[in-house]
Amino acid sequence: MIVLIRNIDRNITEEHVRRMLDQYGKVRTFDLVLDKATGKSKGFGFADMPSVEQAEQMIKGLNGTQLGGEKLRVKRAAASSLLGTNEPRPKTAEKKSYFAKKAAKKAAKKAPRKFTGKRAPRRGE
């Protein structure tokens, strides 16, 4: 399950947050979101936990706790609802193909009917 962690102090490193998360069980991945221009933290990140139970314990344990000068806000990430609860967070290329397939399915359902050049028969014909 993917967990969103917000209000991370911008001076805290990814390694420091990862050590804090490891208290709640094995973390598959943790991504601290960085500003592309400056390379500094944007103040939030995503943790991918292998089990729902561990993720829920982490959410309960960390939500509202003080880290640096900020109170953390921790909750289930919206992407978790798109994936199964025990599926790992997909890599970028896998994400693109997943959403491309999903969009193609949606477009196929809404595809307009082909015009054949023939009109539909009228009543009584």
PDB file of N, CA and C in Angstrom:
ATOM      1  N   MET A   1       0.849  -1.170   0.000  1.00  0.00           N
ATOM      2  CA  MET A   1       0.000   0.000   0.000  1.00  0.00           C
ATOM      3  C   MET A   1       0.899   1.239   0.000  1.00  0.00           C
ATOM      4  N   ILE A   2       0.502   2.243  -0.743  1.00  0.00           N
ATOM      5  CA  ILE A   2       1.286   3.463  -0.855  1.00  0.00           C
ATOM      6  C   ILE A   2       0.745   4.492   0.129  1.00  0.00           C
ATOM      7  N   VAL A   3       1.652   5.104   0.866  1.00  0.00           N
ATOM      8  CA  VAL A   3       1.297   6.065   1.901  1.00  0.00           C
ATOM      9  C   VAL A   3       1.902   7.419   1.546  1.00  0.00           C
ATOM     10  N   LEU A   4       1.090   8.467   1.642  1.00  0.00           N
ATOM     11  CA  LEU A   4       1.536   9.829   1.392  1.00  0.00           C
ATOM     12  C   LEU A   4       1.939  10.464   2.715  1.00  0.00           C
ATOM     13  N   ILE A   5       3.131  11.025   2.757  1.00  0.00           N
ATOM     14  CA  ILE A   5       3.630  11.685   3.964  1.00  0.00           C
ATOM     15  C   ILE A   5       3.872  13.147   3.604  1.00  0.00           C
ATOM     16  N   ARG A   6       3.111  14.051   4.251  1.00  0.00           N
ATOM     17  CA  ARG A   6       3.213  15.474   3.940  1.00  0.00           C
ATOM     18  C   ARG A   6       3.744  16.251   5.142  1.00  0.00           C
ATOM     19  N   ASN A   7       4.121  17.492   4.879  1.00  0.00           N
ATOM     20  CA  ASN A   7       4.673  18.397   5.893  1.00  0.00           C
ATOM     21  C   ASN A   7       6.026  17.921   6.418  1.00  0.00           C
ATOM     22  N   ILE A   8       6.811  17.284   5.585  1.00  0.00           N
ATOM     23  CA  ILE A   8       8.168  16.895   5.983  1.00  0.00           C
ATOM     24  C   ILE A   8       9.018  18.166   5.948  1.00  0.00           C
ATOM     25  N   ASP A   9       9.725  18.423   7.026  1.00  0.00           N
ATOM     26  CA  ASP A   9      10.599  19.591   7.085  1.00  0.00           C
ATOM     27  C   ASP A   9      11.547  19.542   5.890  1.00  0.00           C
ATOM     28  N   ARG A  10      11.705  20.644   5.209  1.00  0.00           N
ATOM     29  CA  ARG A  10      12.491  20.674   3.967  1.00  0.00           C
ATOM     30  C   ARG A  10      13.989  20.461   4.180  1.00  0.00           C
ATOM     31  N   ASN A  11      14.434  20.521   5.423  1.00  0.00           N
ATOM     32  CA  ASN A  11      15.849  20.281   5.720  1.00  0.00           C
ATOM     33  C   ASN A  11      16.129  18.827   6.084  1.00  0.00           C
ATOM     34  N   ILE A  12      15.080  18.004   6.218  1.00  0.00           N
ATOM     35  CA  ILE A  12      15.226  16.588   6.572  1.00  0.00           C
ATOM     36  C   ILE A  12      15.604  15.804   5.317  1.00  0.00           C
ATOM     37  N   THR A  13      16.548  14.878   5.446  1.00  0.00           N
ATOM     38  CA  THR A  13      16.987  14.082   4.289  1.00  0.00           C
ATOM     39  C   THR A  13      16.094  12.851   4.110  1.00  0.00           C
ATOM     40  N   GLU A  14      16.162  12.299   2.920  1.00  0.00           N
ATOM     41  CA  GLU A  14      15.410  11.086   2.594  1.00  0.00           C
ATOM     42  C   GLU A  14      15.846   9.933   3.501  1.00  0.00           C
ATOM     43  N   GLU A  15      17.124   9.838   3.772  1.00  0.00           N
ATOM     44  CA  GLU A  15      17.659   8.767   4.620  1.00  0.00           C
ATOM     45  C   GLU A  15      17.104   8.863   6.040  1.00  0.00           C
ATOM     46  N   HIS A  16      16.976  10.075   6.562  1.00  0.00           N
ATOM     47  CA  HIS A  16      16.437  10.282   7.910  1.00  0.00           C
ATOM     48  C   HIS A  16      14.975   9.819   7.979  1.00  0.00           C
ATOM     49  N   VAL A  17      14.190  10.171   6.975  1.00  0.00           N
ATOM     50  CA  VAL A  17      12.776   9.758   6.941  1.00  0.00           C
ATOM     51  C   VAL A  17      12.678   8.249   6.797  1.00  0.00           C
ATOM     52  N   ARG A  18      13.515   7.658   5.954  1.00  0.00           N
ATOM     53  CA  ARG A  18      13.488   6.207   5.742  1.00  0.00           C
ATOM     54  C   ARG A  18      13.772   5.459   7.046  1.00  0.00           C
ATOM     55  N   ARG A  19      14.750   5.927   7.823  1.00  0.00           N
ATOM     56  CA  ARG A  19      15.051   5.285   9.105  1.00  0.00           C
ATOM     57  C   ARG A  19      13.854   5.359  10.047  1.00  0.00           C
ATOM     58  N   MET A  20      13.140   6.493  10.017  1.00  0.00           N
ATOM     59  CA  MET A  20      11.964   6.654  10.855  1.00  0.00           C
ATOM     60  C   MET A  20      10.848   5.691  10.407  1.00  0.00           C
ATOM     61  N   LEU A  21      10.702   5.497   9.105  1.00  0.00           N
ATOM     62  CA  LEU A  21       9.659   4.612   8.563  1.00  0.00           C
ATOM     63  C   LEU A  21       9.968   3.148   8.846  1.00  0.00           C
ATOM     64  N   ASP A  22      11.231   2.787   8.896  1.00  0.00           N
ATOM     65  CA  ASP A  22      11.628   1.396   9.132  1.00  0.00           C
ATOM     66  C   ASP A  22      11.164   0.868  10.489  1.00  0.00           C
ATOM     67  N   GLN A  23      10.818   1.746  11.403  1.00  0.00           N
ATOM     68  CA  GLN A  23      10.294   1.324  12.709  1.00  0.00           C
ATOM     69  C   GLN A  23       8.953   0.601  12.567  1.00  0.00           C
ATOM     70  N   TYR A  24       8.245   0.856  11.472  1.00  0.00           N
ATOM     71  CA  TYR A  24       6.907   0.295  11.279  1.00  0.00           C
ATOM     72  C   TYR A  24       6.905  -0.910  10.354  1.00  0.00           C
ATOM     73  N   GLY A  25       8.067  -1.391   9.973  1.00  0.00           N
ATOM     74  CA  GLY A  25       8.159  -2.575   9.116  1.00  0.00           C
ATOM     75  C   GLY A  25       8.980  -2.277   7.876  1.00  0.00           C
ATOM     76  N   LYS A  26       9.056  -3.278   7.022  1.00  0.00           N
ATOM     77  CA  LYS A  26       9.852  -3.155   5.804  1.00  0.00           C
ATOM     78  C   LYS A  26       9.187  -2.157   4.854  1.00  0.00           C
ATOM     79  N   VAL A  27       9.981  -1.238   4.355  1.00  0.00           N
ATOM     80  CA  VAL A  27       9.508  -0.257   3.375  1.00  0.00           C
ATOM     81  C   VAL A  27      10.078  -0.669   2.023  1.00  0.00           C
ATOM     82  N   ARG A  28       9.190  -0.961   1.053  1.00  0.00           N
ATOM     83  CA  ARG A  28       9.686  -1.342  -0.283  1.00  0.00           C
ATOM     84  C   ARG A  28      10.461  -0.189  -0.895  1.00  0.00           C
ATOM     85  N   THR A  29       9.808   0.970  -0.980  1.00  0.00           N
ATOM     86  CA  THR A  29      10.461   2.159  -1.518  1.00  0.00           C
ATOM     87  C   THR A  29       9.990   3.381  -0.753  1.00  0.00           C
ATOM     88  N   PHE A  30      10.839   4.380  -0.717  1.00  0.00           N
ATOM     89  CA  PHE A  30      10.436   5.689  -0.213  1.00  0.00           C
ATOM     90  C   PHE A  30      10.989   6.722  -1.174  1.00  0.00           C
ATOM     91  N   ASP A  31      10.115   7.583  -1.672  1.00  0.00           N
ATOM     92  CA  ASP A  31      10.517   8.634  -2.606  1.00  0.00           C
ATOM     93  C   ASP A  31      10.197   9.984  -1.994  1.00  0.00           C
ATOM     94  N   LEU A  32      11.229  10.747  -1.679  1.00  0.00           N
ATOM     95  CA  LEU A  32      11.066  12.116  -1.229  1.00  0.00           C
ATOM     96  C   LEU A  32      11.027  12.967  -2.486  1.00  0.00           C
ATOM     97  N   VAL A  33       9.970  13.724  -2.674  1.00  0.00           N
ATOM     98  CA  VAL A  33       9.804  14.508  -3.897  1.00  0.00           C
ATOM     99  C   VAL A  33      10.694  15.744  -3.816  1.00  0.00           C
ATOM    100  N   LEU A  34      11.507  15.922  -4.870  1.00  0.00           N
ATOM    101  CA  LEU A  34      12.467  17.022  -4.913  1.00  0.00           C
ATOM    102  C   LEU A  34      12.089  18.016  -5.996  1.00  0.00           C
ATOM    103  N   ASP A  35      12.418  19.276  -5.759  1.00  0.00           N
ATOM    104  CA  ASP A  35      12.230  20.331  -6.745  1.00  0.00           C
ATOM    105  C   ASP A  35      13.287  20.138  -7.836  1.00  0.00           C
ATOM    106  N   LYS A  36      12.861  20.087  -9.092  1.00  0.00           N
ATOM    107  CA  LYS A  36      13.812  19.846 -10.190  1.00  0.00           C
ATOM    108  C   LYS A  36      14.824  20.977 -10.331  1.00  0.00           C
ATOM    109  N   ALA A  37      14.381  22.193 -10.108  1.00  0.00           N
ATOM    110  CA  ALA A  37      15.260  23.348 -10.299  1.00  0.00           C
ATOM    111  C   ALA A  37      16.316  23.459  -9.202  1.00  0.00           C
ATOM    112  N   THR A  38      15.915  23.280  -7.949  1.00  0.00           N
ATOM    113  CA  THR A  38      16.845  23.486  -6.834  1.00  0.00           C
ATOM    114  C   THR A  38      17.426  22.200  -6.276  1.00  0.00           C
ATOM    115  N   GLY A  39      16.740  21.076  -6.487  1.00  0.00           N
ATOM    116  CA  GLY A  39      17.193  19.802  -5.936  1.00  0.00           C
ATOM    117  C   GLY A  39      16.849  19.636  -4.461  1.00  0.00           C
ATOM    118  N   LYS A  40      16.074  20.588  -3.915  1.00  0.00           N
ATOM    119  CA  LYS A  40      15.693  20.517  -2.507  1.00  0.00           C
ATOM    120  C   LYS A  40      14.329  19.854  -2.361  1.00  0.00           C
ATOM    121  N   SER A  41      14.053  19.391  -1.162  1.00  0.00           N
ATOM    122  CA  SER A  41      12.801  18.703  -0.860  1.00  0.00           C
ATOM    123  C   SER A  41      11.606  19.629  -1.041  1.00  0.00           C
ATOM    124  N   LYS A  42      10.505  19.060  -1.548  1.00  0.00           N
ATOM    125  CA  LYS A  42       9.253  19.810  -1.651  1.00  0.00           C
ATOM    126  C   LYS A  42       8.404  19.626  -0.401  1.00  0.00           C
ATOM    127  N   GLY A  43       8.848  18.785   0.523  1.00  0.00           N
ATOM    128  CA  GLY A  43       8.148  18.642   1.793  1.00  0.00           C
ATOM    129  C   GLY A  43       7.156  17.492   1.844  1.00  0.00           C
ATOM    130  N   PHE A  44       7.189  16.595   0.859  1.00  0.00           N
ATOM    131  CA  PHE A  44       6.332  15.413   0.920  1.00  0.00           C
ATOM    132  C   PHE A  44       6.994  14.255   0.207  1.00  0.00           C
ATOM    133  N   GLY A  45       6.486  13.048   0.494  1.00  0.00           N
ATOM    134  CA  GLY A  45       7.045  11.857  -0.117  1.00  0.00           C
ATOM    135  C   GLY A  45       6.062  10.703  -0.073  1.00  0.00           C
ATOM    136  N   PHE A  46       6.431   9.604  -0.720  1.00  0.00           N
ATOM    137  CA  PHE A  46       5.584   8.425  -0.810  1.00  0.00           C
ATOM    138  C   PHE A  46       6.347   7.212  -0.304  1.00  0.00           C
ATOM    139  N   ALA A  47       5.721   6.454   0.579  1.00  0.00           N
ATOM    140  CA  ALA A  47       6.299   5.211   1.084  1.00  0.00           C
ATOM    141  C   ALA A  47       5.444   4.059   0.587  1.00  0.00           C
ATOM    142  N   ASP A  48       6.078   3.026   0.091  1.00  0.00           N
ATOM    143  CA  ASP A  48       5.372   1.837  -0.386  1.00  0.00           C
ATOM    144  C   ASP A  48       5.616   0.721   0.622  1.00  0.00           C
ATOM    145  N   MET A  49       4.541   0.304   1.285  1.00  0.00           N
ATOM    146  CA  MET A  49       4.629  -0.736   2.310  1.00  0.00           C
ATOM    147  C   MET A  49       4.102  -2.050   1.734  1.00  0.00           C
ATOM    148  N   PRO A  50       4.735  -3.185   2.046  1.00  0.00           N
ATOM    149  CA  PRO A  50       4.298  -4.468   1.487  1.00  0.00           C
ATOM    150  C   PRO A  50       2.961  -4.960   2.041  1.00  0.00           C
ATOM    151  N   SER A  51       2.602  -4.563   3.258  1.00  0.00           N
ATOM    152  CA  SER A  51       1.329  -5.057   3.794  1.00  0.00           C
ATOM    153  C   SER A  51       0.456  -3.895   4.251  1.00  0.00           C
ATOM    154  N   VAL A  52      -0.821  -4.090   4.142  1.00  0.00           N
ATOM    155  CA  VAL A  52      -1.799  -3.084   4.537  1.00  0.00           C
ATOM    156  C   VAL A  52      -1.723  -2.832   6.038  1.00  0.00           C
ATOM    157  N   GLU A  53      -1.508  -3.894   6.811  1.00  0.00           N
ATOM    158  CA  GLU A  53      -1.451  -3.769   8.276  1.00  0.00           C
ATOM    159  C   GLU A  53      -0.300  -2.857   8.698  1.00  0.00           C
ATOM    160  N   GLN A  54       0.882  -3.073   8.105  1.00  0.00           N
ATOM    161  CA  GLN A  54       2.036  -2.237   8.433  1.00  0.00           C
ATOM    162  C   GLN A  54       1.778  -0.788   8.038  1.00  0.00           C
ATOM    163  N   ALA A  55       1.170  -0.603   6.882  1.00  0.00           N
ATOM    164  CA  ALA A  55       0.884   0.757   6.412  1.00  0.00           C
ATOM    165  C   ALA A  55      -0.092   1.454   7.349  1.00  0.00           C
ATOM    166  N   GLU A  56      -1.126   0.753   7.784  1.00  0.00           N
ATOM    167  CA  GLU A  56      -2.102   1.354   8.688  1.00  0.00           C
ATOM    168  C   GLU A  56      -1.466   1.683  10.036  1.00  0.00           C
ATOM    169  N   GLN A  57      -0.570   0.812  10.524  1.00  0.00           N
ATOM    170  CA  GLN A  57       0.151   1.098  11.768  1.00  0.00           C
ATOM    171  C   GLN A  57       1.017   2.350  11.607  1.00  0.00           C
ATOM    172  N   MET A  58       1.673   2.465  10.450  1.00  0.00           N
ATOM    173  CA  MET A  58       2.520   3.617  10.200  1.00  0.00           C
ATOM    174  C   MET A  58       1.682   4.900  10.139  1.00  0.00           C
ATOM    175  N   ILE A  59       0.534   4.835   9.485  1.00  0.00           N
ATOM    176  CA  ILE A  59      -0.338   6.009   9.389  1.00  0.00           C
ATOM    177  C   ILE A  59      -0.777   6.451  10.776  1.00  0.00           C
ATOM    178  N   LYS A  60      -1.234   5.493  11.595  1.00  0.00           N
ATOM    179  CA  LYS A  60      -1.671   5.825  12.955  1.00  0.00           C
ATOM    180  C   LYS A  60      -0.529   6.347  13.812  1.00  0.00           C
ATOM    181  N   GLY A  61       0.649   5.744  13.659  1.00  0.00           N
ATOM    182  CA  GLY A  61       1.784   6.111  14.490  1.00  0.00           C
ATOM    183  C   GLY A  61       2.423   7.439  14.127  1.00  0.00           C
ATOM    184  N   LEU A  62       2.441   7.778  12.826  1.00  0.00           N
ATOM    185  CA  LEU A  62       3.163   8.978  12.398  1.00  0.00           C
ATOM    186  C   LEU A  62       2.282  10.206  12.200  1.00  0.00           C
ATOM    187  N   ASN A  63       1.003  10.018  11.934  1.00  0.00           N
ATOM    188  CA  ASN A  63       0.136  11.165  11.668  1.00  0.00           C
ATOM    189  C   ASN A  63       0.081  12.075  12.895  1.00  0.00           C
ATOM    190  N   GLY A  64       0.469  13.320  12.714  1.00  0.00           N
ATOM    191  CA  GLY A  64       0.448  14.289  13.802  1.00  0.00           C
ATOM    192  C   GLY A  64       1.732  14.367  14.608  1.00  0.00           C
ATOM    193  N   THR A  65       2.704  13.482  14.340  1.00  0.00           N
ATOM    194  CA  THR A  65       3.963  13.534  15.092  1.00  0.00           C
ATOM    195  C   THR A  65       4.840  14.673  14.575  1.00  0.00           C
ATOM    196  N   GLN A  66       5.694  15.158  15.429  1.00  0.00           N
ATOM    197  CA  GLN A  66       6.585  16.265  15.107  1.00  0.00           C
ATOM    198  C   GLN A  66       7.859  15.731  14.470  1.00  0.00           C
ATOM    199  N   LEU A  67       8.243  16.300  13.338  1.00  0.00           N
ATOM    200  CA  LEU A  67       9.511  15.956  12.688  1.00  0.00           C
ATOM    201  C   LEU A  67      10.148  17.262  12.242  1.00  0.00           C
ATOM    202  N   GLY A  68      11.292  17.586  12.818  1.00  0.00           N
ATOM    203  CA  GLY A  68      11.882  18.899  12.556  1.00  0.00           C
ATOM    204  C   GLY A  68      10.970  19.948  13.174  1.00  0.00           C
ATOM    205  N   GLY A  69      10.559  20.913  12.392  1.00  0.00           N
ATOM    206  CA  GLY A  69       9.661  21.948  12.906  1.00  0.00           C
ATOM    207  C   GLY A  69       8.228  21.770  12.464  1.00  0.00           C
ATOM    208  N   GLU A  70       7.894  20.635  11.877  1.00  0.00           N
ATOM    209  CA  GLU A  70       6.564  20.436  11.298  1.00  0.00           C
ATOM    210  C   GLU A  70       5.868  19.217  11.883  1.00  0.00           C
ATOM    211  N   LYS A  71       4.521  19.272  11.917  1.00  0.00           N
ATOM    212  CA  LYS A  71       3.721  18.099  12.270  1.00  0.00           C
ATOM    213  C   LYS A  71       3.425  17.336  10.987  1.00  0.00           C
ATOM    214  N   LEU A  72       3.763  16.064  10.974  1.00  0.00           N
ATOM    215  CA  LEU A  72       3.532  15.244   9.778  1.00  0.00           C
ATOM    216  C   LEU A  72       2.039  14.994   9.573  1.00  0.00           C
ATOM    217  N   ARG A  73       1.650  14.947   8.308  1.00  0.00           N
ATOM    218  CA  ARG A  73       0.300  14.516   7.936  1.00  0.00           C
ATOM    219  C   ARG A  73       0.475  13.277   7.062  1.00  0.00           C
ATOM    220  N   VAL A  74      -0.037  12.166   7.544  1.00  0.00           N
ATOM    221  CA  VAL A  74       0.192  10.878   6.886  1.00  0.00           C
ATOM    222  C   VAL A  74      -1.149  10.239   6.564  1.00  0.00           C
ATOM    223  N   LYS A  75      -1.301   9.776   5.306  1.00  0.00           N
ATOM    224  CA  LYS A  75      -2.537   9.105   4.902  1.00  0.00           C
ATOM    225  C   LYS A  75      -2.267   8.189   3.710  1.00  0.00           C
ATOM    226  N   ARG A  76      -3.255   7.385   3.389  1.00  0.00           N
ATOM    227  CA  ARG A  76      -3.166   6.496   2.231  1.00  0.00           C
ATOM    228  C   ARG A  76      -3.139   7.359   0.974  1.00  0.00           C
ATOM    229  N   ALA A  77      -2.223   7.062   0.075  1.00  0.00           N
ATOM    230  CA  ALA A  77      -2.112   7.828  -1.169  1.00  0.00           C
ATOM    231  C   ALA A  77      -3.232   7.451  -2.126  1.00  0.00           C
ATOM    232  N   ALA A  78      -3.649   8.394  -2.928  1.00  0.00           N
ATOM    233  CA  ALA A  78      -4.733   8.162  -3.883  1.00  0.00           C
ATOM    234  C   ALA A  78      -4.377   7.067  -4.883  1.00  0.00           C
ATOM    235  N   ALA A  79      -3.108   6.935  -5.236  1.00  0.00           N
ATOM    236  CA  ALA A  79      -2.687   5.910  -6.195  1.00  0.00           C
ATOM    237  C   ALA A  79      -2.944   4.510  -5.668  1.00  0.00           C
ATOM    238  N   SER A  80      -3.031   4.353  -4.345  1.00  0.00           N
ATOM    239  CA  SER A  80      -3.290   3.036  -3.762  1.00  0.00           C
ATOM    240  C   SER A  80      -4.640   2.495  -4.191  1.00  0.00           C
ATOM    241  N   SER A  81      -5.584   3.398  -4.433  1.00  0.00           N
ATOM    242  CA  SER A  81      -6.903   2.922  -4.831  1.00  0.00           C
ATOM    243  C   SER A  81      -6.900   2.446  -6.278  1.00  0.00           C
ATOM    244  N   LEU A  82      -5.947   2.933  -7.092  1.00  0.00           N
ATOM    245  CA  LEU A  82      -5.855   2.478  -8.474  1.00  0.00           C
ATOM    246  C   LEU A  82      -5.202   1.112  -8.563  1.00  0.00           C
ATOM    247  N   LEU A  83      -4.295   0.856  -7.643  1.00  0.00           N
ATOM    248  CA  LEU A  83      -3.583  -0.418  -7.617  1.00  0.00           C
ATOM    249  C   LEU A  83      -4.274  -1.346  -6.635  1.00  0.00           C
ATOM    250  N   GLY A  84      -3.962  -2.606  -6.696  1.00  0.00           N
ATOM    251  CA  GLY A  84      -4.411  -3.510  -5.653  1.00  0.00           C
ATOM    252  C   GLY A  84      -3.678  -3.154  -4.375  1.00  0.00           C
ATOM    253  N   THR A  85      -4.194  -3.538  -3.238  1.00  0.00           N
ATOM    254  CA  THR A  85      -3.592  -3.113  -1.975  1.00  0.00           C
ATOM    255  C   THR A  85      -2.208  -3.700  -1.745  1.00  0.00           C
ATOM    256  N   ASN A  86      -1.903  -4.846  -2.332  1.00  0.00           N
ATOM    257  CA  ASN A  86      -0.602  -5.463  -2.096  1.00  0.00           C
ATOM    258  C   ASN A  86       0.348  -5.358  -3.280  1.00  0.00           C
ATOM    259  N   GLU A  87      -0.053  -4.603  -4.317  1.00  0.00           N
ATOM    260  CA  GLU A  87       0.823  -4.467  -5.467  1.00  0.00           C
ATOM    261  C   GLU A  87       1.886  -3.422  -5.193  1.00  0.00           C
ATOM    262  N   PRO A  88       3.126  -3.655  -5.649  1.00  0.00           N
ATOM    263  CA  PRO A  88       4.166  -2.639  -5.453  1.00  0.00           C
ATOM    264  C   PRO A  88       3.895  -1.430  -6.326  1.00  0.00           C
ATOM    265  N   ARG A  89       4.464  -0.315  -5.940  1.00  0.00           N
ATOM    266  CA  ARG A  89       4.320   0.918  -6.711  1.00  0.00           C
ATOM    267  C   ARG A  89       5.023   0.732  -8.051  1.00  0.00           C
ATOM    268  N   PRO A  90       4.341   0.982  -9.156  1.00  0.00           N
ATOM    269  CA  PRO A  90       4.949   0.736 -10.466  1.00  0.00           C
ATOM    270  C   PRO A  90       6.028   1.758 -10.796  1.00  0.00           C
ATOM    271  N   LYS A  91       6.966   1.343 -11.625  1.00  0.00           N
ATOM    272  CA  LYS A  91       8.003   2.243 -12.095  1.00  0.00           C
ATOM    273  C   LYS A  91       7.379   3.209 -13.097  1.00  0.00           C
ATOM    274  N   THR A  92       8.084   4.252 -13.448  1.00  0.00           N
ATOM    275  CA  THR A  92       7.529   5.290 -14.314  1.00  0.00           C
ATOM    276  C   THR A  92       7.061   4.732 -15.651  1.00  0.00           C
ATOM    277  N   ALA A  93       7.863   3.899 -16.296  1.00  0.00           N
ATOM    278  CA  ALA A  93       7.470   3.343 -17.593  1.00  0.00           C
ATOM    279  C   ALA A  93       6.239   2.455 -17.448  1.00  0.00           C
ATOM    280  N   GLU A  94       6.198   1.689 -16.365  1.00  0.00           N
ATOM    281  CA  GLU A  94       5.048   0.830 -16.130  1.00  0.00           C
ATOM    282  C   GLU A  94       3.804   1.670 -15.871  1.00  0.00           C
ATOM    283  N   LYS A  95       3.961   2.788 -15.167  1.00  0.00           N
ATOM    284  CA  LYS A  95       2.831   3.685 -14.900  1.00  0.00           C
ATOM    285  C   LYS A  95       2.265   4.202 -16.203  1.00  0.00           C
ATOM    286  N   LYS A  96       3.167   4.655 -17.090  1.00  0.00           N
ATOM    287  CA  LYS A  96       2.716   5.212 -18.363  1.00  0.00           C
ATOM    288  C   LYS A  96       1.948   4.174 -19.168  1.00  0.00           C
ATOM    289  N   SER A  97       2.459   2.944 -19.230  1.00  0.00           N
ATOM    290  CA  SER A  97       1.772   1.915 -20.009  1.00  0.00           C
ATOM    291  C   SER A  97       0.448   1.533 -19.346  1.00  0.00           C
ATOM    292  N   TYR A  98       0.413   1.506 -18.018  1.00  0.00           N
ATOM    293  CA  TYR A  98      -0.819   1.183 -17.303  1.00  0.00           C
ATOM    294  C   TYR A  98      -1.907   2.202 -17.623  1.00  0.00           C
ATOM    295  N   PHE A  99      -1.560   3.498 -17.532  1.00  0.00           N
ATOM    296  CA  PHE A  99      -2.555   4.538 -17.774  1.00  0.00           C
ATOM    297  C   PHE A  99      -2.885   4.666 -19.252  1.00  0.00           C
ATOM    298  N   ALA A 100      -1.941   4.349 -20.136  1.00  0.00           N
ATOM    299  CA  ALA A 100      -2.219   4.366 -21.575  1.00  0.00           C
ATOM    300  C   ALA A 100      -3.227   3.272 -21.925  1.00  0.00           C
ATOM    301  N   LYS A 101      -3.050   2.078 -21.344  1.00  0.00           N
ATOM    302  CA  LYS A 101      -3.996   0.992 -21.581  1.00  0.00           C
ATOM    303  C   LYS A 101      -5.376   1.349 -21.042  1.00  0.00           C
ATOM    304  N   LYS A 102      -5.393   1.961 -19.861  1.00  0.00           N
ATOM    305  CA  LYS A 102      -6.655   2.351 -19.241  1.00  0.00           C
ATOM    306  C   LYS A 102      -7.380   3.390 -20.106  1.00  0.00           C
ATOM    307  N   ALA A 103      -6.635   4.363 -20.637  1.00  0.00           N
ATOM    308  CA  ALA A 103      -7.226   5.391 -21.497  1.00  0.00           C
ATOM    309  C   ALA A 103      -7.723   4.779 -22.808  1.00  0.00           C
ATOM    310  N   ALA A 104      -6.974   3.801 -23.353  1.00  0.00           N
ATOM    311  CA  ALA A 104      -7.392   3.149 -24.593  1.00  0.00           C
ATOM    312  C   ALA A 104      -8.691   2.376 -24.395  1.00  0.00           C
ATOM    313  N   LYS A 105      -8.819   1.701 -23.255  1.00  0.00           N
ATOM    314  CA  LYS A 105     -10.060   0.982 -22.957  1.00  0.00           C
ATOM    315  C   LYS A 105     -11.229   1.953 -22.864  1.00  0.00           C
ATOM    316  N   LYS A 106     -10.999   3.070 -22.202  1.00  0.00           N
ATOM    317  CA  LYS A 106     -12.046   4.072 -22.031  1.00  0.00           C
ATOM    318  C   LYS A 106     -12.448   4.657 -23.384  1.00  0.00           C
ATOM    319  N   ALA A 107     -11.454   4.930 -24.242  1.00  0.00           N
ATOM    320  CA  ALA A 107     -11.728   5.485 -25.568  1.00  0.00           C
ATOM    321  C   ALA A 107     -12.472   4.476 -26.440  1.00  0.00           C
ATOM    322  N   ALA A 108     -12.134   3.197 -26.296  1.00  0.00           N
ATOM    323  CA  ALA A 108     -12.801   2.163 -27.097  1.00  0.00           C
ATOM    324  C   ALA A 108     -14.277   2.059 -26.744  1.00  0.00           C
ATOM    325  N   LYS A 109     -14.579   2.255 -25.474  1.00  0.00           N
ATOM    326  CA  LYS A 109     -15.981   2.203 -25.046  1.00  0.00           C
ATOM    327  C   LYS A 109     -16.776   3.375 -25.620  1.00  0.00           C
ATOM    328  N   LYS A 110     -16.120   4.521 -25.786  1.00  0.00           N
ATOM    329  CA  LYS A 110     -16.796   5.717 -26.260  1.00  0.00           C
ATOM    330  C   LYS A 110     -16.606   5.942 -27.760  1.00  0.00           C
ATOM    331  N   ALA A 111     -16.026   4.982 -28.454  1.00  0.00           N
ATOM    332  CA  ALA A 111     -15.734   5.158 -29.878  1.00  0.00           C
ATOM    333  C   ALA A 111     -17.031   5.395 -30.660  1.00  0.00           C
ATOM    334  N   PRO A 112     -17.029   6.409 -31.533  1.00  0.00           N
ATOM    335  CA  PRO A 112     -18.237   6.665 -32.324  1.00  0.00           C
ATOM    336  C   PRO A 112     -18.454   5.555 -33.344  1.00  0.00           C
ATOM    337  N   ARG A 113     -19.692   5.382 -33.720  1.00  0.00           N
ATOM    338  CA  ARG A 113     -20.001   4.364 -34.730  1.00  0.00           C
ATOM    339  C   ARG A 113     -19.467   4.803 -36.077  1.00  0.00           C
ATOM    340  N   LYS A 114     -19.064   3.839 -36.865  1.00  0.00           N
ATOM    341  CA  LYS A 114     -18.563   4.147 -38.202  1.00  0.00           C
ATOM    342  C   LYS A 114     -19.732   4.497 -39.107  1.00  0.00           C
ATOM    343  N   PHE A 115     -19.530   5.493 -39.945  1.00  0.00           N
ATOM    344  CA  PHE A 115     -20.540   5.877 -40.918  1.00  0.00           C
ATOM    345  C   PHE A 115     -20.355   5.017 -42.152  1.00  0.00           C
ATOM    346  N   THR A 116     -21.400   4.314 -42.536  1.00  0.00           N
ATOM    347  CA  THR A 116     -21.290   3.403 -43.681  1.00  0.00           C
ATOM    348  C   THR A 116     -21.820   4.020 -44.957  1.00  0.00           C
ATOM    349  N   GLY A 117     -22.474   5.182 -44.856  1.00  0.00           N
ATOM    350  CA  GLY A 117     -23.029   5.811 -46.043  1.00  0.00           C
ATOM    351  C   GLY A 117     -24.463   5.393 -46.300  1.00  0.00           C
ATOM    352  N   LYS A 118     -24.939   4.439 -45.560  1.00  0.00           N
ATOM    353  CA  LYS A 118     -26.316   3.984 -45.733  1.00  0.00           C
ATOM    354  C   LYS A 118     -27.161   4.568 -44.610  1.00  0.00           C
ATOM    355  N   ARG A 119     -28.378   4.919 -44.962  1.00  0.00           N
ATOM    356  CA  ARG A 119     -29.259   5.428 -43.924  1.00  0.00           C
ATOM    357  C   ARG A 119     -30.011   4.271 -43.292  1.00  0.00           C
ATOM    358  N   ALA A 120     -30.487   4.491 -42.097  1.00  0.00           N
ATOM    359  CA  ALA A 120     -31.266   3.477 -41.407  1.00  0.00           C
ATOM    360  C   ALA A 120     -32.642   3.388 -42.047  1.00  0.00           C
ATOM    361  N   PRO A 121     -33.181   2.192 -42.122  1.00  0.00           N
ATOM    362  CA  PRO A 121     -34.517   2.072 -42.735  1.00  0.00           C
ATOM    363  C   PRO A 121     -35.576   2.788 -41.894  1.00  0.00           C
ATOM    364  N   ARG A 122     -36.507   3.411 -42.592  1.00  0.00           N
ATOM    365  CA  ARG A 122     -37.591   4.107 -41.900  1.00  0.00           C
ATOM    366  C   ARG A 122     -38.698   3.121 -41.606  1.00  0.00           C
ATOM    367  N   ARG A 123     -39.515   3.511 -40.651  1.00  0.00           N
ATOM    368  CA  ARG A 123     -40.659   2.645 -40.321  1.00  0.00           C
ATOM    369  C   ARG A 123     -41.562   2.516 -41.524  1.00  0.00           C
ATOM    370  N   GLY A 124     -42.035   1.344 -41.733  1.00  0.00           N
ATOM    371  CA  GLY A 124     -42.960   1.090 -42.831  1.00  0.00           C
ATOM    372  C   GLY A 124     -42.286   0.767 -44.147  1.00  0.00           C
ATOM    373  N   GLU A 125     -40.973   0.808 -44.208  1.00  0.00           N
ATOM    374  CA  GLU A 125     -40.284   0.458 -45.476  1.00  0.00           C
ATOM    375  C   GLU A 125     -39.973  -1.003 -45.535  1.00  0.00           C
TER     376      GLU A 125
END
